[in-house]
Amino acid sequence: MRYLIFILSMIFLGCAELSVNLKDSEIRPFKEFSKIEGASEALGPIKFEVIDARGEARMNQIGFAYTGVQYQKTPVLLKKDVAAYTKDELATAFTRRNILVSDEAEIAFEMIITKLSVNEYIEKHMPERAVCEIELQVKSQYLAKTFNARYWTEITSPGDLGDGTEKIAPTFASCLNVIANKIATDPKFQAYLK
């Protein structure tokens, strides 16, 4: 009997994953959060670096999912560290929003990730969802001008009958898209680039 209990416990433990690794192809925003808003005229060029100030032990971790039969809390990981991933995504996002990005630019920004988490959310008698929170502090000093602003957003995935773990990637992408819109449409940010 003891062996049977041991074997069953190993099966249950074996069902839980050690981590959820997001594929780049999965990280696409939900339709309702995919709108692109930006400057009406070309601005920049700018260059920027992204710093992850969250203090996470694993710099490629963005949150947690619940996996396996027992809904074990499991880290959600990107292929590369969060700062590098965010920099690549924002560079593409800014270009789409009429803000030129170049490593040769004179105007340099520091974008500090002070908060970033994308977690699966399970509530009794409710559909599984994912929730993303992101906060960026954006700083720059160019000639006699300075820029300092905070941008924040929270996105909750649609509450359908789908698996909450599968909603993490599009919820994360939605968060990044919304924060890029907020930065690109900020009149203070646009005025700084003119």
N, C-alpha and C. Protein backbone atom coordinates (compact mmCIF):
# COMPACT_ATOMS: atom_id res chain seq x y z
N MET A 1 0.83 -1.19 0.00
CA MET A 1 0.00 0.00 0.00
C MET A 1 0.87 1.26 0.00
N ARG A 2 1.96 1.21 0.79
CA ARG A 2 2.87 2.36 0.85
C ARG A 2 3.47 2.65 -0.52
N TYR A 3 3.79 1.60 -1.27
CA TYR A 3 4.37 1.78 -2.60
C TYR A 3 3.35 2.41 -3.55
N LEU A 4 2.10 2.01 -3.43
CA LEU A 4 1.05 2.58 -4.27
C LEU A 4 0.89 4.08 -3.99
N ILE A 5 0.90 4.46 -2.74
CA ILE A 5 0.79 5.88 -2.36
C ILE A 5 2.00 6.64 -2.89
N PHE A 6 3.19 6.06 -2.78
CA PHE A 6 4.40 6.70 -3.28
C PHE A 6 4.32 6.91 -4.80
N ILE A 7 3.89 5.89 -5.52
CA ILE A 7 3.80 5.97 -6.98
C ILE A 7 2.76 7.02 -7.39
N LEU A 8 1.60 7.03 -6.72
CA LEU A 8 0.58 8.02 -7.04
C LEU A 8 1.06 9.44 -6.75
N SER A 9 1.76 9.63 -5.65
CA SER A 9 2.27 10.98 -5.33
C SER A 9 3.31 11.42 -6.35
N MET A 10 4.13 10.48 -6.84
CA MET A 10 5.13 10.82 -7.87
C MET A 10 4.44 11.20 -9.18
N ILE A 11 3.34 10.53 -9.50
CA ILE A 11 2.60 10.86 -10.72
C ILE A 11 2.03 12.27 -10.61
N PHE A 12 1.42 12.59 -9.46
CA PHE A 12 0.85 13.92 -9.28
C PHE A 12 1.92 14.99 -9.31
N LEU A 13 3.05 14.74 -8.67
CA LEU A 13 4.13 15.71 -8.67
C LEU A 13 4.75 15.84 -10.06
N GLY A 14 4.77 14.75 -10.81
CA GLY A 14 5.33 14.77 -12.15
C GLY A 14 4.49 15.57 -13.13
N CYS A 15 3.20 15.74 -12.84
CA CYS A 15 2.33 16.50 -13.72
C CYS A 15 2.60 17.99 -13.66
N ALA A 16 3.10 18.46 -12.53
CA ALA A 16 3.38 19.89 -12.39
C ALA A 16 4.67 20.23 -13.14
N GLU A 17 4.67 21.37 -13.81
CA GLU A 17 5.83 21.79 -14.56
C GLU A 17 6.78 22.57 -13.65
N LEU A 18 8.06 22.58 -14.02
CA LEU A 18 9.04 23.35 -13.25
C LEU A 18 8.95 24.83 -13.59
N SER A 19 8.57 25.15 -14.82
CA SER A 19 8.36 26.53 -15.24
C SER A 19 7.50 26.55 -16.49
N VAL A 20 6.88 27.70 -16.73
CA VAL A 20 6.14 27.92 -17.96
C VAL A 20 7.00 28.85 -18.80
N ASN A 21 7.47 28.36 -19.94
CA ASN A 21 8.35 29.14 -20.81
C ASN A 21 7.54 29.70 -21.97
N LEU A 22 7.46 31.03 -22.04
CA LEU A 22 6.68 31.68 -23.09
C LEU A 22 7.45 31.67 -24.41
N LYS A 23 6.75 31.37 -25.47
CA LYS A 23 7.33 31.42 -26.82
C LYS A 23 7.02 32.81 -27.38
N ASP A 24 7.96 33.36 -28.13
CA ASP A 24 7.76 34.69 -28.72
C ASP A 24 6.50 34.75 -29.57
N SER A 25 6.18 33.65 -30.27
CA SER A 25 5.00 33.63 -31.14
C SER A 25 3.69 33.73 -30.36
N GLU A 26 3.72 33.40 -29.06
CA GLU A 26 2.52 33.47 -28.22
C GLU A 26 2.28 34.88 -27.67
N ILE A 27 3.31 35.70 -27.67
CA ILE A 27 3.22 37.01 -27.01
C ILE A 27 2.67 38.03 -28.00
N ARG A 28 1.35 38.00 -28.16
CA ARG A 28 0.60 38.90 -29.03
C ARG A 28 -0.58 39.44 -28.22
N PRO A 29 -0.84 40.75 -28.31
CA PRO A 29 -1.92 41.31 -27.47
C PRO A 29 -3.31 40.82 -27.88
N PHE A 30 -4.22 40.85 -26.91
CA PHE A 30 -5.62 40.59 -27.21
C PHE A 30 -6.11 41.69 -28.16
N LYS A 31 -7.10 41.36 -28.98
CA LYS A 31 -7.59 42.30 -29.98
C LYS A 31 -7.99 43.65 -29.35
N GLU A 32 -8.66 43.60 -28.21
CA GLU A 32 -9.14 44.84 -27.58
C GLU A 32 -8.01 45.71 -27.02
N PHE A 33 -6.79 45.16 -26.92
CA PHE A 33 -5.65 45.92 -26.42
C PHE A 33 -4.55 46.07 -27.48
N SER A 34 -4.90 45.88 -28.75
CA SER A 34 -3.88 45.89 -29.80
C SER A 34 -3.80 47.21 -30.57
N LYS A 35 -4.61 48.18 -30.19
CA LYS A 35 -4.62 49.47 -30.87
C LYS A 35 -3.25 50.17 -30.75
N ILE A 36 -2.82 50.79 -31.85
CA ILE A 36 -1.54 51.50 -31.86
C ILE A 36 -1.83 53.00 -31.94
N GLU A 37 -1.39 53.74 -30.92
CA GLU A 37 -1.56 55.19 -30.87
C GLU A 37 -0.18 55.82 -30.74
N GLY A 38 0.04 56.90 -31.50
CA GLY A 38 1.36 57.51 -31.44
C GLY A 38 1.36 58.96 -31.85
N ALA A 39 2.53 59.46 -32.17
CA ALA A 39 2.72 60.85 -32.56
C ALA A 39 2.20 61.06 -33.98
N SER A 40 1.66 62.25 -34.24
CA SER A 40 1.13 62.56 -35.57
C SER A 40 2.25 62.90 -36.55
N GLU A 41 3.41 63.27 -36.03
CA GLU A 41 4.58 63.55 -36.88
C GLU A 41 5.78 62.79 -36.34
N ALA A 42 6.76 62.58 -37.18
CA ALA A 42 7.95 61.83 -36.75
C ALA A 42 8.70 62.60 -35.67
N LEU A 43 9.04 61.90 -34.59
CA LEU A 43 9.78 62.49 -33.48
C LEU A 43 11.06 61.70 -33.24
N GLY A 44 12.04 62.37 -32.64
CA GLY A 44 13.28 61.70 -32.32
C GLY A 44 14.38 62.11 -33.27
N PRO A 45 15.37 61.34 -33.42
CA PRO A 45 15.53 59.97 -32.92
C PRO A 45 15.91 59.94 -31.43
N ILE A 46 15.61 58.80 -30.81
CA ILE A 46 15.98 58.58 -29.41
C ILE A 46 16.73 57.26 -29.30
N LYS A 47 17.46 57.13 -28.22
CA LYS A 47 18.00 55.84 -27.83
C LYS A 47 17.64 55.65 -26.37
N PHE A 48 17.60 54.42 -25.92
CA PHE A 48 17.22 54.19 -24.53
C PHE A 48 17.78 52.86 -24.04
N GLU A 49 17.90 52.80 -22.73
CA GLU A 49 18.25 51.53 -22.09
C GLU A 49 17.14 51.20 -21.10
N VAL A 50 16.92 49.93 -20.90
CA VAL A 50 15.90 49.47 -19.95
C VAL A 50 16.60 48.78 -18.80
N ILE A 51 16.23 49.17 -17.58
CA ILE A 51 16.82 48.60 -16.37
C ILE A 51 15.70 47.92 -15.58
N ASP A 52 15.93 46.69 -15.20
CA ASP A 52 14.96 45.93 -14.40
C ASP A 52 15.31 46.13 -12.93
N ALA A 53 14.51 46.95 -12.23
CA ALA A 53 14.78 47.25 -10.82
C ALA A 53 13.87 46.46 -9.89
N ARG A 54 13.28 45.38 -10.36
CA ARG A 54 12.35 44.60 -9.54
C ARG A 54 13.05 43.78 -8.47
N GLY A 55 14.32 43.47 -8.68
CA GLY A 55 15.03 42.66 -7.70
C GLY A 55 14.66 41.19 -7.73
N GLU A 56 14.17 40.71 -8.86
CA GLU A 56 13.83 39.29 -8.99
C GLU A 56 15.11 38.44 -9.00
N ALA A 57 15.02 37.27 -8.40
CA ALA A 57 16.17 36.36 -8.42
C ALA A 57 16.44 35.86 -9.84
N ARG A 58 15.36 35.62 -10.60
CA ARG A 58 15.49 35.17 -11.99
C ARG A 58 15.07 36.34 -12.87
N MET A 59 16.03 36.92 -13.55
CA MET A 59 15.76 38.14 -14.31
C MET A 59 14.92 37.91 -15.57
N ASN A 60 14.63 36.64 -15.91
CA ASN A 60 13.76 36.38 -17.05
C ASN A 60 12.35 35.98 -16.61
N GLN A 61 12.07 36.10 -15.31
CA GLN A 61 10.76 35.73 -14.78
C GLN A 61 9.81 36.93 -14.79
N ILE A 62 8.59 36.71 -15.31
CA ILE A 62 7.61 37.80 -15.32
C ILE A 62 6.43 37.55 -14.39
N GLY A 63 6.28 36.33 -13.87
CA GLY A 63 5.16 36.08 -12.98
C GLY A 63 5.00 34.61 -12.66
N PHE A 64 3.73 34.23 -12.33
CA PHE A 64 3.42 32.86 -11.92
C PHE A 64 2.15 32.36 -12.60
N ALA A 65 2.13 31.05 -12.84
CA ALA A 65 0.94 30.36 -13.33
C ALA A 65 0.66 29.22 -12.36
N TYR A 66 -0.50 28.64 -12.48
CA TYR A 66 -0.85 27.48 -11.67
C TYR A 66 -0.97 26.28 -12.60
N THR A 67 -0.10 25.28 -12.39
CA THR A 67 -0.04 24.15 -13.31
C THR A 67 -0.25 22.84 -12.58
N GLY A 68 -0.50 21.83 -13.37
CA GLY A 68 -0.64 20.48 -12.83
C GLY A 68 -2.01 20.25 -12.22
N VAL A 69 -2.20 19.04 -11.77
CA VAL A 69 -3.47 18.63 -11.19
C VAL A 69 -3.76 19.41 -9.91
N GLN A 70 -2.70 19.72 -9.17
CA GLN A 70 -2.87 20.40 -7.89
C GLN A 70 -2.69 21.91 -7.98
N TYR A 71 -2.69 22.47 -9.18
CA TYR A 71 -2.51 23.91 -9.39
C TYR A 71 -1.30 24.44 -8.61
N GLN A 72 -0.17 23.88 -8.92
CA GLN A 72 1.07 24.27 -8.26
C GLN A 72 1.57 25.60 -8.83
N LYS A 73 1.97 26.51 -7.95
CA LYS A 73 2.48 27.82 -8.36
C LYS A 73 3.80 27.62 -9.12
N THR A 74 3.83 28.07 -10.39
CA THR A 74 4.94 27.79 -11.29
C THR A 74 5.43 29.09 -11.93
N PRO A 75 6.75 29.36 -11.91
CA PRO A 75 7.26 30.59 -12.52
C PRO A 75 7.04 30.65 -14.03
N VAL A 76 6.73 31.85 -14.52
CA VAL A 76 6.58 32.09 -15.96
C VAL A 76 7.83 32.82 -16.43
N LEU A 77 8.50 32.25 -17.45
CA LEU A 77 9.80 32.76 -17.90
C LEU A 77 9.79 33.17 -19.37
N LEU A 78 10.55 34.21 -19.68
CA LEU A 78 10.83 34.60 -21.06
C LEU A 78 12.11 33.91 -21.50
N LYS A 79 12.39 33.90 -22.81
CA LYS A 79 13.62 33.30 -23.32
C LYS A 79 14.85 34.09 -22.90
N LYS A 80 14.69 35.43 -22.77
CA LYS A 80 15.82 36.27 -22.35
C LYS A 80 15.38 37.13 -21.18
N ASP A 81 16.31 37.88 -20.61
CA ASP A 81 15.95 38.65 -19.43
C ASP A 81 14.93 39.74 -19.76
N VAL A 82 14.17 40.13 -18.76
CA VAL A 82 13.04 41.04 -18.92
C VAL A 82 13.49 42.39 -19.50
N ALA A 83 14.61 42.92 -19.04
CA ALA A 83 15.09 44.22 -19.53
C ALA A 83 15.38 44.17 -21.03
N ALA A 84 16.08 43.15 -21.48
CA ALA A 84 16.42 43.02 -22.90
C ALA A 84 15.16 42.81 -23.74
N TYR A 85 14.26 41.98 -23.26
CA TYR A 85 13.02 41.73 -23.99
C TYR A 85 12.20 43.02 -24.11
N THR A 86 12.06 43.73 -22.99
CA THR A 86 11.27 44.97 -22.98
C THR A 86 11.90 46.02 -23.89
N LYS A 87 13.22 46.11 -23.89
CA LYS A 87 13.89 47.07 -24.78
C LYS A 87 13.59 46.77 -26.24
N ASP A 88 13.70 45.52 -26.63
CA ASP A 88 13.41 45.13 -28.02
C ASP A 88 11.96 45.44 -28.40
N GLU A 89 11.04 45.09 -27.51
CA GLU A 89 9.62 45.31 -27.79
C GLU A 89 9.28 46.80 -27.86
N LEU A 90 9.85 47.60 -26.95
CA LEU A 90 9.57 49.05 -26.97
C LEU A 90 10.19 49.72 -28.20
N ALA A 91 11.37 49.28 -28.61
CA ALA A 91 11.99 49.85 -29.81
C ALA A 91 11.08 49.63 -31.03
N THR A 92 10.54 48.44 -31.16
CA THR A 92 9.62 48.15 -32.26
C THR A 92 8.33 48.96 -32.10
N ALA A 93 7.82 49.02 -30.87
CA ALA A 93 6.58 49.75 -30.60
C ALA A 93 6.73 51.23 -30.90
N PHE A 94 7.85 51.84 -30.50
CA PHE A 94 8.05 53.27 -30.75
C PHE A 94 8.15 53.54 -32.25
N THR A 95 8.83 52.70 -32.98
CA THR A 95 8.95 52.88 -34.43
C THR A 95 7.56 52.86 -35.08
N ARG A 96 6.71 51.96 -34.64
CA ARG A 96 5.33 51.89 -35.17
C ARG A 96 4.51 53.13 -34.80
N ARG A 97 4.94 53.83 -33.75
CA ARG A 97 4.20 55.00 -33.25
C ARG A 97 4.83 56.32 -33.69
N ASN A 98 5.68 56.27 -34.71
CA ASN A 98 6.27 57.46 -35.31
C ASN A 98 7.36 58.09 -34.44
N ILE A 99 8.00 57.30 -33.60
CA ILE A 99 9.13 57.77 -32.79
C ILE A 99 10.36 57.00 -33.27
N LEU A 100 11.29 57.71 -33.85
CA LEU A 100 12.47 57.08 -34.41
C LEU A 100 13.41 56.62 -33.30
N VAL A 101 13.96 55.42 -33.47
CA VAL A 101 14.89 54.84 -32.49
C VAL A 101 16.19 54.54 -33.21
N SER A 102 17.31 55.02 -32.62
CA SER A 102 18.62 54.79 -33.22
C SER A 102 19.69 54.77 -32.13
N ASP A 103 20.62 53.84 -32.24
CA ASP A 103 21.72 53.78 -31.27
C ASP A 103 22.63 55.00 -31.37
N GLU A 104 22.54 55.74 -32.46
CA GLU A 104 23.37 56.93 -32.69
C GLU A 104 22.69 58.22 -32.20
N ALA A 105 21.48 58.15 -31.69
CA ALA A 105 20.72 59.33 -31.29
C ALA A 105 21.40 60.06 -30.13
N GLU A 106 21.19 61.36 -30.06
CA GLU A 106 21.74 62.17 -28.97
C GLU A 106 20.83 62.14 -27.74
N ILE A 107 19.53 62.09 -27.95
CA ILE A 107 18.59 62.07 -26.83
C ILE A 107 18.51 60.65 -26.29
N ALA A 108 18.93 60.49 -25.04
CA ALA A 108 18.97 59.16 -24.42
C ALA A 108 18.00 59.10 -23.24
N PHE A 109 17.30 58.00 -23.15
CA PHE A 109 16.36 57.77 -22.05
C PHE A 109 16.80 56.57 -21.23
N GLU A 110 16.45 56.62 -19.97
CA GLU A 110 16.60 55.48 -19.07
C GLU A 110 15.19 55.07 -18.69
N MET A 111 14.83 53.84 -18.98
CA MET A 111 13.51 53.34 -18.65
C MET A 111 13.67 52.25 -17.60
N ILE A 112 13.16 52.54 -16.41
CA ILE A 112 13.37 51.65 -15.27
C ILE A 112 12.07 50.90 -14.98
N ILE A 113 12.16 49.58 -15.02
CA ILE A 113 11.00 48.75 -14.69
C ILE A 113 10.94 48.67 -13.16
N THR A 114 10.00 49.40 -12.57
CA THR A 114 9.85 49.36 -11.12
C THR A 114 8.83 48.32 -10.69
N LYS A 115 7.95 47.94 -11.62
CA LYS A 115 6.97 46.90 -11.32
C LYS A 115 6.62 46.18 -12.61
N LEU A 116 6.61 44.88 -12.56
CA LEU A 116 6.16 44.06 -13.68
C LEU A 116 5.80 42.69 -13.14
N SER A 117 4.54 42.33 -13.26
CA SER A 117 4.12 40.99 -12.88
C SER A 117 2.94 40.58 -13.75
N VAL A 118 2.97 39.34 -14.19
CA VAL A 118 1.88 38.76 -14.97
C VAL A 118 1.57 37.43 -14.30
N ASN A 119 0.42 37.37 -13.65
CA ASN A 119 0.08 36.19 -12.87
C ASN A 119 -1.27 35.63 -13.26
N GLU A 120 -1.35 34.31 -13.20
CA GLU A 120 -2.64 33.65 -13.39
C GLU A 120 -3.47 33.90 -12.14
N TYR A 121 -4.75 34.15 -12.35
CA TYR A 121 -5.64 34.48 -11.25
C TYR A 121 -6.80 33.49 -11.26
N ILE A 122 -6.93 32.72 -10.18
CA ILE A 122 -8.00 31.73 -10.09
C ILE A 122 -8.87 32.10 -8.90
N GLU A 123 -10.16 32.25 -9.17
CA GLU A 123 -11.12 32.60 -8.14
C GLU A 123 -12.26 31.59 -8.21
N LYS A 124 -12.74 31.17 -7.08
CA LYS A 124 -13.79 30.16 -7.03
C LYS A 124 -15.03 30.62 -7.81
N HIS A 125 -15.58 29.73 -8.62
CA HIS A 125 -16.80 29.96 -9.41
C HIS A 125 -16.64 31.07 -10.45
N MET A 126 -15.41 31.38 -10.84
CA MET A 126 -15.15 32.41 -11.85
C MET A 126 -14.22 31.83 -12.91
N PRO A 127 -14.26 32.36 -14.15
CA PRO A 127 -13.32 31.89 -15.17
C PRO A 127 -11.87 32.23 -14.79
N GLU A 128 -10.95 31.39 -15.24
CA GLU A 128 -9.53 31.65 -14.99
C GLU A 128 -9.10 32.85 -15.82
N ARG A 129 -8.28 33.71 -15.21
CA ARG A 129 -7.81 34.91 -15.90
C ARG A 129 -6.33 35.12 -15.62
N ALA A 130 -5.77 36.07 -16.33
CA ALA A 130 -4.40 36.51 -16.05
C ALA A 130 -4.44 38.02 -15.84
N VAL A 131 -3.60 38.49 -14.93
CA VAL A 131 -3.54 39.92 -14.62
C VAL A 131 -2.10 40.38 -14.77
N CYS A 132 -1.92 41.50 -15.48
CA CYS A 132 -0.59 42.08 -15.68
C CYS A 132 -0.57 43.48 -15.10
N GLU A 133 0.48 43.79 -14.34
CA GLU A 133 0.74 45.14 -13.86
C GLU A 133 2.13 45.53 -14.30
N ILE A 134 2.26 46.74 -14.81
CA ILE A 134 3.58 47.23 -15.21
C ILE A 134 3.69 48.71 -14.84
N GLU A 135 4.88 49.08 -14.38
CA GLU A 135 5.18 50.48 -14.08
C GLU A 135 6.59 50.78 -14.57
N LEU A 136 6.72 51.83 -15.36
CA LEU A 136 8.02 52.27 -15.88
C LEU A 136 8.29 53.69 -15.42
N GLN A 137 9.50 53.94 -14.95
CA GLN A 137 9.95 55.30 -14.70
C GLN A 137 10.86 55.67 -15.86
N VAL A 138 10.54 56.77 -16.53
CA VAL A 138 11.26 57.18 -17.73
C VAL A 138 11.99 58.49 -17.42
N LYS A 139 13.33 58.51 -17.64
CA LYS A 139 14.15 59.68 -17.32
C LYS A 139 15.04 60.03 -18.50
N SER A 140 15.32 61.33 -18.63
CA SER A 140 16.25 61.78 -19.64
C SER A 140 16.78 63.16 -19.27
N GLN A 141 18.01 63.43 -19.69
CA GLN A 141 18.63 64.76 -19.55
C GLN A 141 19.32 65.05 -20.87
N TYR A 142 18.86 66.11 -21.55
CA TYR A 142 19.44 66.46 -22.84
C TYR A 142 19.60 67.98 -22.89
N LEU A 143 20.84 68.42 -23.03
CA LEU A 143 21.18 69.84 -22.99
C LEU A 143 20.62 70.44 -21.70
N ALA A 144 19.77 71.46 -21.79
CA ALA A 144 19.24 72.09 -20.57
C ALA A 144 17.89 71.51 -20.17
N LYS A 145 17.40 70.50 -20.91
CA LYS A 145 16.07 69.94 -20.64
C LYS A 145 16.19 68.63 -19.85
N THR A 146 15.20 68.42 -19.00
CA THR A 146 15.10 67.14 -18.29
C THR A 146 13.69 66.58 -18.45
N PHE A 147 13.61 65.27 -18.40
CA PHE A 147 12.31 64.59 -18.50
C PHE A 147 12.27 63.52 -17.43
N ASN A 148 11.17 63.46 -16.70
CA ASN A 148 10.99 62.45 -15.67
C ASN A 148 9.49 62.16 -15.56
N ALA A 149 9.09 60.93 -15.82
CA ALA A 149 7.67 60.57 -15.75
C ALA A 149 7.53 59.10 -15.36
N ARG A 150 6.36 58.78 -14.82
CA ARG A 150 6.00 57.40 -14.50
C ARG A 150 4.80 56.99 -15.33
N TYR A 151 4.87 55.81 -15.88
CA TYR A 151 3.76 55.27 -16.67
C TYR A 151 3.35 53.94 -16.05
N TRP A 152 2.06 53.73 -15.88
CA TRP A 152 1.56 52.55 -15.19
C TRP A 152 0.31 52.04 -15.90
N THR A 153 0.13 50.74 -15.92
CA THR A 153 -1.11 50.16 -16.42
C THR A 153 -1.34 48.79 -15.78
N GLU A 154 -2.61 48.39 -15.77
CA GLU A 154 -3.00 47.05 -15.32
C GLU A 154 -4.00 46.50 -16.32
N ILE A 155 -3.75 45.29 -16.77
CA ILE A 155 -4.61 44.63 -17.76
C ILE A 155 -5.08 43.30 -17.18
N THR A 156 -6.38 43.03 -17.31
CA THR A 156 -6.95 41.74 -16.92
C THR A 156 -7.46 41.06 -18.19
N SER A 157 -7.09 39.82 -18.36
CA SER A 157 -7.51 39.09 -19.57
C SER A 157 -9.02 38.90 -19.56
N PRO A 158 -9.59 38.66 -20.74
CA PRO A 158 -11.03 38.36 -20.80
C PRO A 158 -11.34 37.12 -19.96
N GLY A 159 -12.49 37.11 -19.36
CA GLY A 159 -12.89 35.99 -18.49
C GLY A 159 -13.72 34.96 -19.24
N ASP A 160 -13.07 34.23 -20.15
CA ASP A 160 -13.79 33.17 -20.85
C ASP A 160 -13.45 31.83 -20.21
N LEU A 161 -13.87 30.75 -20.82
CA LEU A 161 -13.67 29.43 -20.23
C LEU A 161 -12.30 28.83 -20.53
N GLY A 162 -11.42 29.57 -21.20
CA GLY A 162 -10.09 29.07 -21.53
C GLY A 162 -9.20 28.95 -20.30
N ASP A 163 -8.09 28.26 -20.48
CA ASP A 163 -7.12 28.04 -19.41
C ASP A 163 -6.39 29.35 -19.08
N GLY A 164 -6.27 29.65 -17.79
CA GLY A 164 -5.62 30.89 -17.36
C GLY A 164 -4.16 30.98 -17.75
N THR A 165 -3.45 29.86 -17.76
CA THR A 165 -2.04 29.85 -18.13
C THR A 165 -1.86 30.31 -19.58
N GLU A 166 -2.77 29.92 -20.45
CA GLU A 166 -2.68 30.30 -21.85
C GLU A 166 -2.97 31.79 -22.07
N LYS A 167 -3.54 32.45 -21.09
CA LYS A 167 -3.85 33.88 -21.20
C LYS A 167 -2.69 34.76 -20.75
N ILE A 168 -1.65 34.18 -20.17
CA ILE A 168 -0.54 34.97 -19.64
C ILE A 168 0.21 35.70 -20.75
N ALA A 169 0.57 35.01 -21.83
CA ALA A 169 1.34 35.63 -22.91
C ALA A 169 0.60 36.79 -23.56
N PRO A 170 -0.68 36.63 -23.97
CA PRO A 170 -1.37 37.78 -24.56
C PRO A 170 -1.65 38.91 -23.57
N THR A 171 -1.80 38.57 -22.29
CA THR A 171 -2.01 39.62 -21.29
C THR A 171 -0.73 40.44 -21.12
N PHE A 172 0.41 39.78 -21.11
CA PHE A 172 1.70 40.47 -21.04
C PHE A 172 1.90 41.38 -22.26
N ALA A 173 1.61 40.85 -23.46
CA ALA A 173 1.75 41.64 -24.68
C ALA A 173 0.80 42.84 -24.66
N SER A 174 -0.41 42.65 -24.15
CA SER A 174 -1.38 43.74 -24.05
C SER A 174 -0.85 44.84 -23.13
N CYS A 175 -0.24 44.44 -22.02
CA CYS A 175 0.34 45.39 -21.07
C CYS A 175 1.42 46.24 -21.74
N LEU A 176 2.31 45.60 -22.48
CA LEU A 176 3.39 46.32 -23.16
C LEU A 176 2.84 47.26 -24.22
N ASN A 177 1.80 46.83 -24.94
CA ASN A 177 1.21 47.67 -25.98
C ASN A 177 0.56 48.92 -25.38
N VAL A 178 -0.16 48.74 -24.29
CA VAL A 178 -0.83 49.87 -23.65
C VAL A 178 0.19 50.85 -23.08
N ILE A 179 1.26 50.35 -22.46
CA ILE A 179 2.27 51.25 -21.88
C ILE A 179 3.00 52.00 -23.00
N ALA A 180 3.24 51.36 -24.13
CA ALA A 180 3.87 52.05 -25.27
C ALA A 180 2.97 53.16 -25.78
N ASN A 181 1.66 52.90 -25.84
CA ASN A 181 0.71 53.94 -26.25
C ASN A 181 0.74 55.12 -25.29
N LYS A 182 0.78 54.83 -23.99
CA LYS A 182 0.78 55.91 -22.99
C LYS A 182 2.02 56.80 -23.13
N ILE A 183 3.17 56.18 -23.34
CA ILE A 183 4.40 56.97 -23.49
C ILE A 183 4.34 57.79 -24.78
N ALA A 184 4.01 57.14 -25.89
CA ALA A 184 4.05 57.79 -27.20
C ALA A 184 3.03 58.91 -27.35
N THR A 185 1.92 58.84 -26.63
CA THR A 185 0.89 59.88 -26.75
C THR A 185 0.97 60.93 -25.65
N ASP A 186 1.90 60.78 -24.72
CA ASP A 186 2.06 61.76 -23.63
C ASP A 186 2.54 63.10 -24.22
N PRO A 187 1.75 64.17 -24.08
CA PRO A 187 2.16 65.47 -24.63
C PRO A 187 3.50 65.96 -24.07
N LYS A 188 3.77 65.66 -22.81
CA LYS A 188 5.03 66.05 -22.19
C LYS A 188 6.21 65.32 -22.86
N PHE A 189 6.04 64.04 -23.13
CA PHE A 189 7.07 63.25 -23.81
C PHE A 189 7.29 63.77 -25.23
N GLN A 190 6.20 64.03 -25.94
CA GLN A 190 6.31 64.53 -27.31
C GLN A 190 6.98 65.90 -27.35
N ALA A 191 6.62 66.78 -26.41
CA ALA A 191 7.23 68.12 -26.38
C ALA A 191 8.71 68.04 -26.10
N TYR A 192 9.14 67.09 -25.29
CA TYR A 192 10.55 66.92 -24.97
C TYR A 192 11.36 66.55 -26.21
N LEU A 193 10.74 65.83 -27.13
CA LEU A 193 11.43 65.37 -28.33
C LEU A 193 11.45 66.40 -29.46
N LYS A 194 10.69 67.47 -29.32
CA LYS A 194 10.63 68.49 -30.39
C LYS A 194 11.76 69.50 -30.25
